[in-house]
Amino acid sequence: MQAPIETYYAKRLEDVAQALRDNHFKAHVVADAAAARDLFLKEILPAAGAKTVAYGGSGTMLATGLPTDLAAMPDIDVIDPLDKTLTAEQAYERRRQALLSDLFLTGTNAVTEDGMLVNLDMIGNRACAIAFGPRQVVVFVGRNKIVPDLTAAMCRIKEYAAPTNAMRLSKKTPCVLTSRCEDCGSPERICNVWTITEKSFPRGRVTVICINQDLGL
C-alpha cells in the first residue's frame, strides 16, 4: 500500500469529522493545507458572505497562507492582530475588535475522537471567539491534534502544546527551559483560559476543517 500513514489518518479524520457533525459542527476532511485553503476560498468564504474577517495566532491556519489571500481582497475588511508593526496595546485592541467579526479563523489545541474542541489560551481571545462573538468560525485542525478523549486533550496541551508554544513565542516561562509544565506564576504564562467546546451553538456556526497533515503545535 502506498502512503500508509495518509491512509491511516484519512479514516481516523473521517471518524472525527462525523463525531463533530454529530455535535452540530460542520466538518470537512482535506488532504493538506493547500486543499484547506482551496475549500475555504471556493466554498466557505463565499457562502459566509463575510464583510469582516479576523484570525487568531494559529500555526495551522497560517500554514494555509490565507492571511495573504484575505489581505488582497478589497471587499473584505481584515482584522489582523498579528501585524508586527502594532504596539502591544494596538494588538490587544485588534483582538477585542475580532470578537465582533463576521468570520473568525483559528486552530485548536486538541480535538477529541468524540468531537470536542479543547483549548488553552493566554488572554482568551481565540478560545472566546470559538465560544461566542464572531458570527461564524472556521477551525483548521492538523491530524496531530487528534486525541482519544478530554483527559488526553488536556494532557497533550499542558505537556506538549503549551511548552512548545511558549518556546515559539519566546516567552519567559519555566517551561521554555525545562520543556515541562511547571504550573508557573510567570507574568508571561500562556496557560490561563480553558475552553471545552462540546457542541457548536447555534448548529453549524463553527466549521472544522480536518487536515491530513501534521500542522501546528
C-alpha atoms as a PDB file:
ATOM      1  CA  MET A   1       0.000   0.000   0.000  1.00  0.00           C
ATOM      2  CA  GLN A   2       1.253   3.447  -0.890  1.00  0.00           C
ATOM      3  CA  ALA A   3       1.020   6.298   1.609  1.00  0.00           C
ATOM      4  CA  PRO A   4       0.005   4.114   4.588  1.00  0.00           C
ATOM      5  CA  ILE A   5       0.237   7.000   7.057  1.00  0.00           C
ATOM      6  CA  GLU A   6      -2.117   9.170   4.995  1.00  0.00           C
ATOM      7  CA  THR A   7      -4.481   6.215   4.552  1.00  0.00           C
ATOM      8  CA  TYR A   8      -4.450   5.537   8.285  1.00  0.00           C
ATOM      9  CA  TYR A   9      -5.236   9.134   9.172  1.00  0.00           C
ATOM     10  CA  ALA A  10      -7.816   9.524   6.405  1.00  0.00           C
ATOM     11  CA  LYS A  11     -10.026   7.008   8.183  1.00  0.00           C
ATOM     12  CA  ARG A  12      -9.397   8.494  11.633  1.00  0.00           C
ATOM     13  CA  LEU A  13     -10.123  12.003  10.367  1.00  0.00           C
ATOM     14  CA  GLU A  14     -13.382  10.873   8.769  1.00  0.00           C
ATOM     15  CA  ASP A  15     -14.438   9.350  12.076  1.00  0.00           C
ATOM     16  CA  VAL A  16     -13.565  12.561  13.927  1.00  0.00           C
ATOM     17  CA  ALA A  17     -15.404  14.638  11.302  1.00  0.00           C
ATOM     18  CA  GLN A  18     -18.532  12.531  11.760  1.00  0.00           C
ATOM     19  CA  ALA A  19     -18.300  12.927  15.542  1.00  0.00           C
ATOM     20  CA  LEU A  20     -18.039  16.688  15.037  1.00  0.00           C
ATOM     21  CA  ARG A  21     -21.101  16.661  12.773  1.00  0.00           C
ATOM     22  CA  ASP A  22     -22.990  14.702  15.428  1.00  0.00           C
ATOM     23  CA  ASN A  23     -22.052  17.534  17.794  1.00  0.00           C
ATOM     24  CA  HIS A  24     -23.573  20.133  15.436  1.00  0.00           C
ATOM     25  CA  PHE A  25     -20.317  21.358  13.874  1.00  0.00           C
ATOM     26  CA  LYS A  26     -19.837  21.497  10.141  1.00  0.00           C
ATOM     27  CA  ALA A  27     -16.836  19.328   9.305  1.00  0.00           C
ATOM     28  CA  HIS A  28     -14.673  18.565   6.288  1.00  0.00           C
ATOM     29  CA  VAL A  29     -11.654  16.351   5.669  1.00  0.00           C
ATOM     30  CA  VAL A  30      -8.963  17.513   3.242  1.00  0.00           C
ATOM     31  CA  ALA A  31      -5.587  16.169   2.161  1.00  0.00           C
ATOM     32  CA  ASP A  32      -3.305  19.059   3.067  1.00  0.00           C
ATOM     33  CA  ALA A  33      -3.012  22.762   3.877  1.00  0.00           C
ATOM     34  CA  ALA A  34      -3.352  23.726   0.207  1.00  0.00           C
ATOM     35  CA  ALA A  35      -6.637  21.820  -0.033  1.00  0.00           C
ATOM     36  CA  ALA A  36      -7.872  23.514   3.141  1.00  0.00           C
ATOM     37  CA  ARG A  37      -7.083  26.882   1.574  1.00  0.00           C
ATOM     38  CA  ASP A  38      -8.985  25.994  -1.607  1.00  0.00           C
ATOM     39  CA  LEU A  39     -12.007  24.749   0.329  1.00  0.00           C
ATOM     40  CA  PHE A  40     -12.133  27.952   2.333  1.00  0.00           C
ATOM     41  CA  LEU A  41     -11.710  30.316  -0.622  1.00  0.00           C
ATOM     42  CA  LYS A  42     -14.002  28.497  -3.049  1.00  0.00           C
ATOM     43  CA  GLU A  43     -16.799  27.321  -0.757  1.00  0.00           C
ATOM     44  CA  ILE A  44     -16.754  28.526   2.830  1.00  0.00           C
ATOM     45  CA  LEU A  45     -15.920  32.213   2.358  1.00  0.00           C
ATOM     46  CA  PRO A  46     -18.438  32.814  -0.473  1.00  0.00           C
ATOM     47  CA  ALA A  47     -21.168  31.026   1.488  1.00  0.00           C
ATOM     48  CA  ALA A  48     -20.405  33.061   4.619  1.00  0.00           C
ATOM     49  CA  GLY A  49     -20.898  36.403   2.889  1.00  0.00           C
ATOM     50  CA  ALA A  50     -18.487  37.908   5.416  1.00  0.00           C
ATOM     51  CA  LYS A  51     -17.510  41.564   5.253  1.00  0.00           C
ATOM     52  CA  THR A  52     -15.118  41.429   8.199  1.00  0.00           C
ATOM     53  CA  VAL A  53     -12.695  38.549   8.758  1.00  0.00           C
ATOM     54  CA  ALA A  54     -10.355  38.095  11.715  1.00  0.00           C
ATOM     55  CA  TYR A  55      -7.999  35.397  12.889  1.00  0.00           C
ATOM     56  CA  GLY A  56      -6.037  34.180  15.869  1.00  0.00           C
ATOM     57  CA  GLY A  57      -2.431  33.112  16.148  1.00  0.00           C
ATOM     58  CA  SER A  58      -2.788  29.590  14.777  1.00  0.00           C
ATOM     59  CA  GLY A  59       0.193  27.919  13.122  1.00  0.00           C
ATOM     60  CA  THR A  60      -2.159  25.539  11.333  1.00  0.00           C
ATOM     61  CA  MET A  61      -4.209  28.382   9.874  1.00  0.00           C
ATOM     62  CA  LEU A  62      -1.077  30.325   8.924  1.00  0.00           C
ATOM     63  CA  ALA A  63       0.216  27.269   7.035  1.00  0.00           C
ATOM     64  CA  THR A  64      -2.681  27.667   4.603  1.00  0.00           C
ATOM     65  CA  GLY A  65      -1.481  31.128   3.547  1.00  0.00           C
ATOM     66  CA  LEU A  66      -4.970  32.568   3.960  1.00  0.00           C
ATOM     67  CA  PRO A  67      -3.943  35.835   5.675  1.00  0.00           C
ATOM     68  CA  THR A  68      -2.121  36.813   2.480  1.00  0.00           C
ATOM     69  CA  ASP A  69      -5.129  35.874   0.352  1.00  0.00           C
ATOM     70  CA  LEU A  70      -7.527  37.825   2.548  1.00  0.00           C
ATOM     71  CA  ALA A  71      -5.295  40.910   2.599  1.00  0.00           C
ATOM     72  CA  ALA A  72      -5.544  41.052  -1.200  1.00  0.00           C
ATOM     73  CA  MET A  73      -9.365  41.133  -1.204  1.00  0.00           C
ATOM     74  CA  PRO A  74     -10.558  44.767  -1.422  1.00  0.00           C
ATOM     75  CA  ASP A  75     -14.128  43.941  -0.426  1.00  0.00           C
ATOM     76  CA  ILE A  76     -13.150  42.321   2.875  1.00  0.00           C
ATOM     77  CA  ASP A  77     -12.083  44.194   5.995  1.00  0.00           C
ATOM     78  CA  VAL A  78      -9.372  42.086   7.653  1.00  0.00           C
ATOM     79  CA  ILE A  79      -8.714  42.474  11.370  1.00  0.00           C
ATOM     80  CA  ASP A  80      -5.098  41.364  11.729  1.00  0.00           C
ATOM     81  CA  PRO A  81      -3.841  41.158  15.340  1.00  0.00           C
ATOM     82  CA  LEU A  82      -0.545  39.601  14.209  1.00  0.00           C
ATOM     83  CA  ASP A  83       0.729  42.718  12.431  1.00  0.00           C
ATOM     84  CA  LYS A  84       4.300  43.159  13.706  1.00  0.00           C
ATOM     85  CA  THR A  85       4.075  46.942  13.386  1.00  0.00           C
ATOM     86  CA  LEU A  86       1.410  47.154  16.106  1.00  0.00           C
ATOM     87  CA  THR A  87       2.170  48.143  19.661  1.00  0.00           C
ATOM     88  CA  ALA A  88       1.076  45.725  22.385  1.00  0.00           C
ATOM     89  CA  GLU A  89      -1.892  47.966  23.143  1.00  0.00           C
ATOM     90  CA  GLN A  90      -2.924  48.119  19.484  1.00  0.00           C
ATOM     91  CA  ALA A  91      -2.644  44.341  19.084  1.00  0.00           C
ATOM     92  CA  TYR A  92      -4.808  43.856  22.176  1.00  0.00           C
ATOM     93  CA  GLU A  93      -7.434  46.204  20.774  1.00  0.00           C
ATOM     94  CA  ARG A  94      -7.428  44.322  17.471  1.00  0.00           C
ATOM     95  CA  ARG A  95      -8.131  41.124  19.386  1.00  0.00           C
ATOM     96  CA  ARG A  96     -11.118  42.810  21.030  1.00  0.00           C
ATOM     97  CA  GLN A  97     -12.408  44.002  17.658  1.00  0.00           C
ATOM     98  CA  ALA A  98     -12.023  40.479  16.229  1.00  0.00           C
ATOM     99  CA  LEU A  99     -14.705  39.201  18.595  1.00  0.00           C
ATOM    100  CA  LEU A 100     -17.292  41.148  16.586  1.00  0.00           C
ATOM    101  CA  SER A 101     -16.128  39.992  13.152  1.00  0.00           C
ATOM    102  CA  ASP A 102     -18.375  38.170  10.705  1.00  0.00           C
ATOM    103  CA  LEU A 103     -15.909  35.307  10.328  1.00  0.00           C
ATOM    104  CA  PHE A 104     -13.049  34.208  12.592  1.00  0.00           C
ATOM    105  CA  LEU A 105     -10.283  31.785  11.585  1.00  0.00           C
ATOM    106  CA  THR A 106      -8.282  29.809  14.103  1.00  0.00           C
ATOM    107  CA  GLY A 107      -6.841  26.450  15.080  1.00  0.00           C
ATOM    108  CA  THR A 108      -7.393  24.270  18.130  1.00  0.00           C
ATOM    109  CA  ASN A 109      -5.034  22.724  20.644  1.00  0.00           C
ATOM    110  CA  ALA A 110      -6.787  19.364  20.501  1.00  0.00           C
ATOM    111  CA  VAL A 111      -9.823  17.618  19.042  1.00  0.00           C
ATOM    112  CA  THR A 112     -11.193  14.511  20.713  1.00  0.00           C
ATOM    113  CA  GLU A 113     -12.350  11.401  18.928  1.00  0.00           C
ATOM    114  CA  ASP A 114     -15.881  12.075  20.157  1.00  0.00           C
ATOM    115  CA  GLY A 115     -15.875  15.519  18.547  1.00  0.00           C
ATOM    116  CA  MET A 116     -14.940  18.140  21.151  1.00  0.00           C
ATOM    117  CA  LEU A 117     -12.546  21.078  20.721  1.00  0.00           C
ATOM    118  CA  VAL A 118     -10.223  21.762  23.662  1.00  0.00           C
ATOM    119  CA  ASN A 119      -8.158  24.939  24.020  1.00  0.00           C
ATOM    120  CA  LEU A 120      -5.948  26.753  26.500  1.00  0.00           C
ATOM    121  CA  ASP A 121      -5.197  30.436  25.896  1.00  0.00           C
ATOM    122  CA  MET A 122      -3.110  33.218  27.366  1.00  0.00           C
ATOM    123  CA  ILE A 123      -5.716  36.016  27.158  1.00  0.00           C
ATOM    124  CA  GLY A 124      -8.661  34.020  25.830  1.00  0.00           C
ATOM    125  CA  ASN A 125      -9.266  35.802  22.543  1.00  0.00           C
ATOM    126  CA  ARG A 126      -9.030  32.656  20.420  1.00  0.00           C
ATOM    127  CA  ALA A 127     -10.913  30.395  22.801  1.00  0.00           C
ATOM    128  CA  CYS A 128     -13.596  33.011  23.424  1.00  0.00           C
ATOM    129  CA  ALA A 129     -14.082  33.636  19.701  1.00  0.00           C
ATOM    130  CA  ILE A 130     -14.823  29.945  19.223  1.00  0.00           C
ATOM    131  CA  ALA A 131     -17.403  30.125  22.014  1.00  0.00           C
ATOM    132  CA  PHE A 132     -19.146  33.412  21.206  1.00  0.00           C
ATOM    133  CA  GLY A 133     -18.825  36.678  19.288  1.00  0.00           C
ATOM    134  CA  PRO A 134     -17.981  36.187  15.603  1.00  0.00           C
ATOM    135  CA  ARG A 135     -20.990  35.178  13.542  1.00  0.00           C
ATOM    136  CA  GLN A 136     -19.099  32.201  12.085  1.00  0.00           C
ATOM    137  CA  VAL A 137     -15.876  30.425  12.976  1.00  0.00           C
ATOM    138  CA  VAL A 138     -13.596  28.189  10.903  1.00  0.00           C
ATOM    139  CA  VAL A 139     -11.186  25.943  12.813  1.00  0.00           C
ATOM    140  CA  PHE A 140      -8.225  24.391  10.980  1.00  0.00           C
ATOM    141  CA  VAL A 141      -7.044  21.131  12.568  1.00  0.00           C
ATOM    142  CA  GLY A 142      -3.978  19.076  11.685  1.00  0.00           C
ATOM    143  CA  ARG A 143      -4.131  15.312  12.186  1.00  0.00           C
ATOM    144  CA  ASN A 144      -1.579  15.600  15.003  1.00  0.00           C
ATOM    145  CA  LYS A 145      -4.248  17.282  17.169  1.00  0.00           C
ATOM    146  CA  ILE A 146      -6.444  14.157  17.406  1.00  0.00           C
ATOM    147  CA  VAL A 147      -6.643  12.659  20.908  1.00  0.00           C
ATOM    148  CA  PRO A 148      -8.831   9.897  22.365  1.00  0.00           C
ATOM    149  CA  ASP A 149     -10.694  11.916  24.998  1.00  0.00           C
ATOM    150  CA  LEU A 150     -10.835  15.012  27.183  1.00  0.00           C
ATOM    151  CA  THR A 151      -8.190  13.776  29.622  1.00  0.00           C
ATOM    152  CA  ALA A 152      -5.771  13.101  26.767  1.00  0.00           C
ATOM    153  CA  ALA A 153      -6.550  16.509  25.285  1.00  0.00           C
ATOM    154  CA  MET A 154      -5.671  18.332  28.479  1.00  0.00           C
ATOM    155  CA  CYS A 155      -2.510  16.271  28.901  1.00  0.00           C
ATOM    156  CA  ARG A 156      -1.451  16.999  25.324  1.00  0.00           C
ATOM    157  CA  ILE A 157      -1.948  20.713  25.836  1.00  0.00           C
ATOM    158  CA  LYS A 158      -0.172  21.016  29.184  1.00  0.00           C
ATOM    159  CA  GLU A 159       2.654  18.601  28.402  1.00  0.00           C
ATOM    160  CA  TYR A 160       3.368  19.498  24.773  1.00  0.00           C
ATOM    161  CA  ALA A 161       1.382  22.292  23.123  1.00  0.00           C
ATOM    162  CA  ALA A 162       1.821  24.862  25.891  1.00  0.00           C
ATOM    163  CA  PRO A 163       5.593  24.475  26.343  1.00  0.00           C
ATOM    164  CA  THR A 164       6.281  24.428  22.618  1.00  0.00           C
ATOM    165  CA  ASN A 165       4.072  27.455  22.039  1.00  0.00           C
ATOM    166  CA  ALA A 166       5.832  29.291  24.859  1.00  0.00           C
ATOM    167  CA  MET A 167       9.104  28.497  23.064  1.00  0.00           C
ATOM    168  CA  ARG A 168       7.679  29.637  19.723  1.00  0.00           C
ATOM    169  CA  LEU A 169       6.608  32.927  21.259  1.00  0.00           C
ATOM    170  CA  SER A 170       9.893  33.384  23.176  1.00  0.00           C
ATOM    171  CA  LYS A 171       8.084  33.686  26.486  1.00  0.00           C
ATOM    172  CA  LYS A 172       9.991  33.990  29.743  1.00  0.00           C
ATOM    173  CA  THR A 173       8.418  30.987  31.454  1.00  0.00           C
ATOM    174  CA  PRO A 174       9.951  27.978  33.236  1.00  0.00           C
ATOM    175  CA  CYS A 175       8.641  25.518  30.632  1.00  0.00           C
ATOM    176  CA  VAL A 176      10.833  27.146  27.991  1.00  0.00           C
ATOM    177  CA  LEU A 177      13.832  25.956  29.997  1.00  0.00           C
ATOM    178  CA  THR A 178      12.526  22.603  31.241  1.00  0.00           C
ATOM    179  CA  SER A 179      10.150  21.502  28.423  1.00  0.00           C
ATOM    180  CA  ARG A 180       7.640  20.670  31.142  1.00  0.00           C
ATOM    181  CA  CYS A 181       4.659  22.493  32.588  1.00  0.00           C
ATOM    182  CA  GLU A 182       5.715  23.944  35.937  1.00  0.00           C
ATOM    183  CA  ASP A 183       2.275  25.442  36.706  1.00  0.00           C
ATOM    184  CA  CYS A 184       4.119  28.732  36.961  1.00  0.00           C
ATOM    185  CA  GLY A 185       3.129  32.173  38.139  1.00  0.00           C
ATOM    186  CA  SER A 186       5.114  33.930  35.436  1.00  0.00           C
ATOM    187  CA  PRO A 187       3.736  37.237  34.095  1.00  0.00           C
ATOM    188  CA  GLU A 188       4.207  35.720  30.631  1.00  0.00           C
ATOM    189  CA  ARG A 189       2.356  32.488  31.401  1.00  0.00           C
ATOM    190  CA  ILE A 190       0.282  31.483  28.350  1.00  0.00           C
ATOM    191  CA  CYS A 191      -1.916  28.947  30.192  1.00  0.00           C
ATOM    192  CA  ASN A 192      -4.781  30.953  31.646  1.00  0.00           C
ATOM    193  CA  VAL A 193      -8.120  30.292  29.932  1.00  0.00           C
ATOM    194  CA  TRP A 194      -9.504  26.801  29.261  1.00  0.00           C
ATOM    195  CA  THR A 195     -12.434  26.168  26.927  1.00  0.00           C
ATOM    196  CA  ILE A 196     -14.097  22.863  26.075  1.00  0.00           C
ATOM    197  CA  THR A 197     -16.458  23.151  23.125  1.00  0.00           C
ATOM    198  CA  GLU A 198     -18.686  20.084  23.276  1.00  0.00           C
ATOM    199  CA  LYS A 199     -21.126  21.228  20.606  1.00  0.00           C
ATOM    200  CA  SER A 200     -21.469  24.078  18.145  1.00  0.00           C
ATOM    201  CA  PHE A 201     -24.228  26.512  19.042  1.00  0.00           C
ATOM    202  CA  PRO A 202     -26.028  27.558  17.032  1.00  0.00           C
ATOM    203  CA  ARG A 203     -25.807  24.410  14.955  1.00  0.00           C
ATOM    204  CA  GLY A 204     -23.304  24.912  12.123  1.00  0.00           C
ATOM    205  CA  ARG A 205     -21.850  28.172  13.459  1.00  0.00           C
ATOM    206  CA  VAL A 206     -18.414  26.502  13.772  1.00  0.00           C
ATOM    207  CA  THR A 207     -16.843  24.749  10.788  1.00  0.00           C
ATOM    208  CA  VAL A 208     -13.917  22.405  11.394  1.00  0.00           C
ATOM    209  CA  ILE A 209     -11.521  21.540   8.559  1.00  0.00           C
ATOM    210  CA  CYS A 210      -9.626  18.350   9.414  1.00  0.00           C
ATOM    211  CA  ILE A 211      -6.327  18.237   7.522  1.00  0.00           C
ATOM    212  CA  ASN A 212      -4.417  15.025   6.764  1.00  0.00           C
ATOM    213  CA  GLN A 213      -1.089  16.631   7.636  1.00  0.00           C
ATOM    214  CA  ASP A 214       0.870  17.328  10.810  1.00  0.00           C
ATOM    215  CA  LEU A 215       0.370  21.071  11.258  1.00  0.00           C
ATOM    216  CA  GLY A 216       0.806  23.480  14.130  1.00  0.00           C
ATOM    217  CA  LEU A 217       1.619  22.648  17.716  1.00  0.00           C
END
